PDB file of N, CA and C in Angstrom:
ATOM      1  N   UNK A   1      -6.064  10.191  -1.641  1.00  0.00           N
ATOM      2  CA  UNK A   1      -6.122   8.841  -2.107  1.00  0.00           C
ATOM      3  C   UNK A   1      -5.456   8.839  -3.511  1.00  0.00           C
ATOM      4  N   UNK A   2      -4.806   7.762  -3.715  1.00  0.00           N
ATOM      5  CA  UNK A   2      -4.164   7.459  -5.028  1.00  0.00           C
ATOM      6  C   UNK A   2      -5.101   6.585  -5.831  1.00  0.00           C
ATOM      7  N   UNK A   3      -5.335   7.034  -7.066  1.00  0.00           N
ATOM      8  CA  UNK A   3      -6.130   6.180  -7.946  1.00  0.00           C
ATOM      9  C   UNK A   3      -5.412   4.867  -8.297  1.00  0.00           C
ATOM     10  N   UNK A   4      -6.107   3.873  -8.115  1.00  0.00           N
ATOM     11  CA  UNK A   4      -5.501   2.493  -8.485  1.00  0.00           C
ATOM     12  C   UNK A   4      -5.551   2.388 -10.014  1.00  0.00           C
ATOM     13  N   UNK A   5      -4.485   2.022 -10.610  1.00  0.00           N
ATOM     14  CA  UNK A   5      -4.364   1.879 -12.086  1.00  0.00           C
ATOM     15  C   UNK A   5      -5.384   0.857 -12.605  1.00  0.00           C
ATOM     16  N   UNK A   6      -5.896   1.054 -13.832  1.00  0.00           N
ATOM     17  CA  UNK A   6      -6.668   0.070 -14.425  1.00  0.00           C
ATOM     18  C   UNK A   6      -5.832  -1.160 -14.881  1.00  0.00           C
ATOM     19  N   UNK A   7      -6.353  -2.275 -14.698  1.00  0.00           N
ATOM     20  CA  UNK A   7      -5.564  -3.466 -15.100  1.00  0.00           C
ATOM     21  C   UNK A   7      -6.481  -4.322 -16.056  1.00  0.00           C
ATOM     22  N   UNK A   8      -5.774  -5.095 -16.987  1.00  0.00           N
ATOM     23  CA  UNK A   8      -6.459  -5.917 -17.917  1.00  0.00           C
ATOM     24  C   UNK A   8      -6.398  -7.411 -17.433  1.00  0.00           C
ATOM     25  N   UNK A   9      -5.452  -7.767 -16.610  1.00  0.00           N
ATOM     26  CA  UNK A   9      -5.374  -9.121 -16.247  1.00  0.00           C
ATOM     27  C   UNK A   9      -5.235  -9.147 -14.661  1.00  0.00           C
ATOM     28  N   UNK A  10      -5.771 -10.217 -14.162  1.00  0.00           N
ATOM     29  CA  UNK A  10      -5.736 -10.456 -12.785  1.00  0.00           C
ATOM     30  C   UNK A  10      -4.373 -10.984 -12.401  1.00  0.00           C
ATOM     31  N   UNK A  11      -3.863 -11.895 -13.109  1.00  0.00           N
ATOM     32  CA  UNK A  11      -2.580 -12.521 -12.775  1.00  0.00           C
ATOM     33  C   UNK A  11      -1.295 -11.613 -12.746  1.00  0.00           C
ATOM     34  N   UNK A  12      -1.268 -10.672 -13.686  1.00  0.00           N
ATOM     35  CA  UNK A  12      -0.216  -9.731 -13.671  1.00  0.00           C
ATOM     36  C   UNK A  12      -0.589  -8.406 -13.326  1.00  0.00           C
ATOM     37  N   UNK A  13      -1.603  -7.832 -13.734  1.00  0.00           N
ATOM     38  CA  UNK A  13      -2.019  -6.419 -13.436  1.00  0.00           C
ATOM     39  C   UNK A  13      -2.216  -6.186 -11.963  1.00  0.00           C
ATOM     40  N   UNK A  14      -3.079  -7.052 -11.332  1.00  0.00           N
ATOM     41  CA  UNK A  14      -3.311  -6.883  -9.893  1.00  0.00           C
ATOM     42  C   UNK A  14      -2.189  -7.236  -8.974  1.00  0.00           C
ATOM     43  N   UNK A  15      -1.259  -7.951  -9.504  1.00  0.00           N
ATOM     44  CA  UNK A  15      -0.052  -8.278  -8.762  1.00  0.00           C
ATOM     45  C   UNK A  15       1.134  -7.388  -9.002  1.00  0.00           C
ATOM     46  N   UNK A  16       0.910  -6.290  -9.735  1.00  0.00           N
ATOM     47  CA  UNK A  16       2.001  -5.324 -10.107  1.00  0.00           C
ATOM     48  C   UNK A  16       2.291  -4.450  -8.916  1.00  0.00           C
ATOM     49  N   UNK A  17       3.467  -3.935  -8.841  1.00  0.00           N
ATOM     50  CA  UNK A  17       3.873  -3.040  -7.745  1.00  0.00           C
ATOM     51  C   UNK A  17       2.942  -1.837  -7.816  1.00  0.00           C
ATOM     52  N   UNK A  18       2.625  -1.292  -9.000  1.00  0.00           N
ATOM     53  CA  UNK A  18       1.906  -0.041  -9.015  1.00  0.00           C
ATOM     54  C   UNK A  18       0.434  -0.227  -8.391  1.00  0.00           C
ATOM     55  N   UNK A  19      -0.081  -1.320  -8.732  1.00  0.00           N
ATOM     56  CA  UNK A  19      -1.462  -1.649  -8.280  1.00  0.00           C
ATOM     57  C   UNK A  19      -1.475  -1.932  -6.701  1.00  0.00           C
ATOM     58  N   UNK A  20      -0.454  -2.699  -6.245  1.00  0.00           N
ATOM     59  CA  UNK A  20      -0.416  -2.952  -4.768  1.00  0.00           C
ATOM     60  C   UNK A  20      -0.009  -1.777  -3.999  1.00  0.00           C
ATOM     61  N   UNK A  21       0.901  -0.970  -4.498  1.00  0.00           N
ATOM     62  CA  UNK A  21       1.350   0.212  -3.739  1.00  0.00           C
ATOM     63  C   UNK A  21       0.153   1.228  -3.612  1.00  0.00           C
ATOM     64  N   UNK A  22      -0.653   1.463  -4.646  1.00  0.00           N
ATOM     65  CA  UNK A  22      -1.850   2.276  -4.459  1.00  0.00           C
ATOM     66  C   UNK A  22      -2.825   1.679  -3.542  1.00  0.00           C
ATOM     67  N   UNK A  23      -3.028   0.404  -3.595  1.00  0.00           N
ATOM     68  CA  UNK A  23      -4.064  -0.231  -2.645  1.00  0.00           C
ATOM     69  C   UNK A  23      -3.509  -0.218  -1.198  1.00  0.00           C
ATOM     70  N   UNK A  24      -2.301  -0.393  -0.946  1.00  0.00           N
ATOM     71  CA  UNK A  24      -1.818  -0.278   0.399  1.00  0.00           C
ATOM     72  C   UNK A  24      -1.787   1.133   0.929  1.00  0.00           C
ATOM     73  N   UNK A  25      -1.421   2.099   0.051  1.00  0.00           N
ATOM     74  CA  UNK A  25      -1.382   3.473   0.539  1.00  0.00           C
ATOM     75  C   UNK A  25      -2.816   3.914   0.838  1.00  0.00           C
ATOM     76  N   UNK A  26      -3.806   3.562  -0.024  1.00  0.00           N
ATOM     77  CA  UNK A  26      -5.143   4.050   0.227  1.00  0.00           C
ATOM     78  C   UNK A  26      -5.802   3.365   1.496  1.00  0.00           C
ATOM     79  N   UNK A  27      -5.245   2.188   1.928  1.00  0.00           N
ATOM     80  CA  UNK A  27      -5.703   1.569   3.141  1.00  0.00           C
ATOM     81  C   UNK A  27      -5.108   2.030   4.406  1.00  0.00           C
ATOM     82  N   UNK A  28      -4.021   2.968   4.299  1.00  0.00           N
ATOM     83  CA  UNK A  28      -3.466   3.564   5.514  1.00  0.00           C
ATOM     84  C   UNK A  28      -4.465   4.469   6.195  1.00  0.00           C
ATOM     85  N   UNK A  29      -4.439   4.467   7.527  1.00  0.00           N
ATOM     86  CA  UNK A  29      -5.339   5.425   8.314  1.00  0.00           C
ATOM     87  C   UNK A  29      -4.999   6.765   7.879  1.00  0.00           C
ATOM     88  N   UNK A  30      -5.994   7.668   7.876  1.00  0.00           N
ATOM     89  CA  UNK A  30      -5.873   9.050   7.507  1.00  0.00           C
ATOM     90  C   UNK A  30      -4.679   9.830   8.282  1.00  0.00           C
ATOM     91  N   UNK A  31      -4.608   9.640   9.559  1.00  0.00           N
ATOM     92  CA  UNK A  31      -3.596  10.341  10.379  1.00  0.00           C
ATOM     93  C   UNK A  31      -2.234   9.885   9.885  1.00  0.00           C
ATOM     94  N   UNK A  32      -2.029   8.677   9.432  1.00  0.00           N
ATOM     95  CA  UNK A  32      -0.680   8.099   8.952  1.00  0.00           C
ATOM     96  C   UNK A  32      -0.417   8.862   7.562  1.00  0.00           C
ATOM     97  N   UNK A  33      -1.446   8.858   6.645  1.00  0.00           N
ATOM     98  CA  UNK A  33      -1.247   9.567   5.354  1.00  0.00           C
ATOM     99  C   UNK A  33      -0.897  11.056   5.503  1.00  0.00           C
ATOM    100  N   UNK A  34      -1.468  11.645   6.476  1.00  0.00           N
ATOM    101  CA  UNK A  34      -1.316  13.111   6.614  1.00  0.00           C
ATOM    102  C   UNK A  34       0.055  13.463   7.366  1.00  0.00           C
ATOM    103  N   UNK A  35       0.741  12.482   7.832  1.00  0.00           N
ATOM    104  CA  UNK A  35       1.941  12.823   8.586  1.00  0.00           C
ATOM    105  C   UNK A  35       2.938  13.516   7.636  1.00  0.00           C
ATOM    106  N   UNK A  36       3.421  14.624   8.128  1.00  0.00           N
ATOM    107  CA  UNK A  36       4.380  15.442   7.243  1.00  0.00           C
ATOM    108  C   UNK A  36       5.805  15.404   7.744  1.00  0.00           C
ATOM    109  N   UNK A  37       5.997  14.542   8.854  1.00  0.00           N
ATOM    110  CA  UNK A  37       7.319  14.342   9.371  1.00  0.00           C
ATOM    111  C   UNK A  37       7.756  12.915   8.976  1.00  0.00           C
ATOM    112  N   UNK A  38       8.950  12.687   8.399  1.00  0.00           N
ATOM    113  CA  UNK A  38       9.432  11.310   7.971  1.00  0.00           C
ATOM    114  C   UNK A  38       9.507  10.393   9.168  1.00  0.00           C
ATOM    115  N   UNK A  39      10.130  10.872  10.241  1.00  0.00           N
ATOM    116  CA  UNK A  39      10.310   9.998  11.407  1.00  0.00           C
ATOM    117  C   UNK A  39       9.087   9.660  12.044  1.00  0.00           C
ATOM    118  N   UNK A  40       8.011  10.521  12.146  1.00  0.00           N
ATOM    119  CA  UNK A  40       6.742  10.244  12.655  1.00  0.00           C
ATOM    120  C   UNK A  40       6.114   9.226  11.767  1.00  0.00           C
ATOM    121  N   UNK A  41       6.159   9.387  10.474  1.00  0.00           N
ATOM    122  CA  UNK A  41       5.575   8.446   9.581  1.00  0.00           C
ATOM    123  C   UNK A  41       6.158   7.005   9.653  1.00  0.00           C
ATOM    124  N   UNK A  42       7.512   6.898   9.774  1.00  0.00           N
ATOM    125  CA  UNK A  42       8.125   5.686  10.012  1.00  0.00           C
ATOM    126  C   UNK A  42       7.630   4.986  11.354  1.00  0.00           C
ATOM    127  N   UNK A  43       7.523   5.791  12.371  1.00  0.00           N
ATOM    128  CA  UNK A  43       7.059   5.286  13.666  1.00  0.00           C
ATOM    129  C   UNK A  43       5.660   4.729  13.553  1.00  0.00           C
ATOM    130  N   UNK A  44       4.771   5.413  12.892  1.00  0.00           N
ATOM    131  CA  UNK A  44       3.366   5.078  12.710  1.00  0.00           C
ATOM    132  C   UNK A  44       3.275   3.860  11.838  1.00  0.00           C
ATOM    133  N   UNK A  45       4.045   3.780  10.820  1.00  0.00           N
ATOM    134  CA  UNK A  45       4.085   2.592   9.851  1.00  0.00           C
ATOM    135  C   UNK A  45       4.486   1.299  10.503  1.00  0.00           C
ATOM    136  N   UNK A  46       5.441   1.385  11.402  1.00  0.00           N
ATOM    137  CA  UNK A  46       5.948   0.232  12.135  1.00  0.00           C
ATOM    138  C   UNK A  46       4.857  -0.307  13.143  1.00  0.00           C
ATOM    139  N   UNK A  47       3.964   0.554  13.545  1.00  0.00           N
ATOM    140  CA  UNK A  47       3.014   0.011  14.551  1.00  0.00           C
ATOM    141  C   UNK A  47       1.692  -0.352  13.836  1.00  0.00           C
ATOM    142  N   UNK A  48       1.575   0.039  12.513  1.00  0.00           N
ATOM    143  CA  UNK A  48       0.345  -0.107  11.751  1.00  0.00           C
ATOM    144  C   UNK A  48       0.230  -1.692  11.407  1.00  0.00           C
ATOM    145  N   UNK A  49      -0.923  -2.266  11.567  1.00  0.00           N
ATOM    146  CA  UNK A  49      -1.111  -3.620  11.225  1.00  0.00           C
ATOM    147  C   UNK A  49      -2.180  -3.723  10.128  1.00  0.00           C
ATOM    148  N   UNK A  50      -1.786  -3.262   9.005  1.00  0.00           N
ATOM    149  CA  UNK A  50      -2.684  -3.258   7.892  1.00  0.00           C
ATOM    150  C   UNK A  50      -2.991  -4.512   7.188  1.00  0.00           C
ATOM    151  N   UNK A  51      -3.529  -4.459   6.005  1.00  0.00           N
ATOM    152  CA  UNK A  51      -3.849  -5.571   5.228  1.00  0.00           C
ATOM    153  C   UNK A  51      -2.633  -6.314   4.776  1.00  0.00           C
ATOM    154  N   UNK A  52      -2.791  -7.672   4.698  1.00  0.00           N
ATOM    155  CA  UNK A  52      -1.688  -8.448   4.181  1.00  0.00           C
ATOM    156  C   UNK A  52      -1.558  -8.192   2.662  1.00  0.00           C
ATOM    157  N   UNK A  53      -0.258  -8.034   2.264  1.00  0.00           N
ATOM    158  CA  UNK A  53      -0.003  -7.841   0.836  1.00  0.00           C
ATOM    159  C   UNK A  53      -0.169  -9.179   0.122  1.00  0.00           C
ATOM    160  N   UNK A  54      -0.853  -9.049  -0.949  1.00  0.00           N
ATOM    161  CA  UNK A  54      -1.169 -10.309  -1.787  1.00  0.00           C
ATOM    162  C   UNK A  54      -0.139 -10.468  -2.939  1.00  0.00           C
ATOM    163  N   UNK A  55       0.863  -9.576  -3.057  1.00  0.00           N
ATOM    164  CA  UNK A  55       1.730  -9.685  -4.233  1.00  0.00           C
ATOM    165  C   UNK A  55       2.670 -10.912  -4.136  1.00  0.00           C
ATOM    166  N   UNK A  56       3.148 -11.331  -5.206  1.00  0.00           N
ATOM    167  CA  UNK A  56       4.038 -12.544  -5.229  1.00  0.00           C
ATOM    168  C   UNK A  56       5.431 -12.252  -4.567  1.00  0.00           C
ATOM    169  N   UNK A  57       5.775 -11.100  -4.389  1.00  0.00           N
ATOM    170  CA  UNK A  57       7.105 -10.836  -3.745  1.00  0.00           C
ATOM    171  C   UNK A  57       6.893 -11.056  -2.224  1.00  0.00           C
ATOM    172  N   UNK A  58       5.792 -10.621  -1.684  1.00  0.00           N
ATOM    173  CA  UNK A  58       5.567 -10.730  -0.280  1.00  0.00           C
ATOM    174  C   UNK A  58       5.280 -12.140   0.199  1.00  0.00           C
ATOM    175  N   UNK A  59       4.850 -12.931  -0.747  1.00  0.00           N
ATOM    176  CA  UNK A  59       4.610 -14.434  -0.397  1.00  0.00           C
ATOM    177  C   UNK A  59       5.860 -15.223  -0.328  1.00  0.00           C
ATOM    178  N   UNK A  60       7.039 -14.741  -0.689  1.00  0.00           N
ATOM    179  CA  UNK A  60       8.297 -15.460  -0.697  1.00  0.00           C
ATOM    180  C   UNK A  60       8.700 -15.766   0.737  1.00  0.00           C
TER     181      UNK A  60
END
Protein backbone atom coordinates (compact mmCIF):
# COMPACT_ATOMS: atom_id res chain seq x y z
CA UNK A 1 0.00 0.00 0.00
CA UNK A 2 1.08 3.53 -0.66
CA UNK A 3 0.57 6.02 2.12
CA UNK A 4 -1.76 8.81 1.06
CA UNK A 5 -0.07 12.18 1.56
CA UNK A 6 -1.47 14.46 4.21
CA UNK A 7 -3.32 17.43 2.81
CA UNK A 8 -4.36 20.75 4.29
CA UNK A 9 -7.11 21.65 1.86
CA UNK A 10 -9.91 19.69 0.32
CA UNK A 11 -10.10 21.80 -2.83
CA UNK A 12 -6.48 21.45 -3.88
CA UNK A 13 -4.87 18.80 -1.69
CA UNK A 14 -7.37 16.02 -2.25
CA UNK A 15 -7.55 16.84 -5.95
CA UNK A 16 -3.79 16.64 -6.43
CA UNK A 17 -2.23 13.95 -8.58
CA UNK A 18 -0.19 12.60 -5.64
CA UNK A 19 -3.28 12.10 -3.50
CA UNK A 20 -5.42 10.58 -6.26
CA UNK A 21 -2.63 8.30 -7.52
CA UNK A 22 -2.12 6.85 -4.04
CA UNK A 23 -5.87 6.41 -3.57
CA UNK A 24 -6.34 4.63 -6.90
CA UNK A 25 -3.26 2.41 -6.40
CA UNK A 26 -4.51 1.37 -2.96
CA UNK A 27 -7.92 0.50 -4.39
CA UNK A 28 -6.45 -1.95 -6.92
CA UNK A 29 -7.12 -5.62 -6.22
CA UNK A 30 -4.13 -7.40 -4.60
CA UNK A 31 -3.50 -9.69 -7.59
CA UNK A 32 -3.23 -6.66 -9.86
CA UNK A 33 -0.80 -4.87 -7.51
CA UNK A 34 1.37 -7.98 -7.22
CA UNK A 35 1.67 -8.43 -10.98
CA UNK A 36 5.37 -8.43 -11.88
CA UNK A 37 4.88 -8.56 -15.64
CA UNK A 38 4.11 -5.28 -17.41
CA UNK A 39 1.92 -6.83 -20.13
CA UNK A 40 -0.05 -8.81 -17.55
CA UNK A 41 -0.52 -5.63 -15.48
CA UNK A 42 -1.79 -3.73 -18.53
CA UNK A 43 -4.25 -6.49 -19.39
CA UNK A 44 -5.59 -6.61 -15.83
CA UNK A 45 -5.87 -2.81 -15.57
CA UNK A 46 -7.87 -2.63 -18.78
CA UNK A 47 -10.44 -5.07 -17.41
CA UNK A 48 -10.55 -3.50 -13.93
CA UNK A 49 -13.62 -1.41 -13.17
CA UNK A 50 -12.35 0.46 -10.16
CA UNK A 51 -13.59 3.61 -8.47
CA UNK A 52 -14.36 6.69 -10.48
CA UNK A 53 -11.59 9.24 -10.30
CA UNK A 54 -12.77 12.48 -8.71
CA UNK A 55 -9.90 14.68 -9.83
CA UNK A 56 -10.61 17.73 -11.96
CA UNK A 57 -8.64 16.33 -14.93
CA UNK A 58 -10.83 13.24 -15.22
CA UNK A 59 -14.01 15.29 -15.14
CA UNK A 60 -13.12 17.06 -18.40
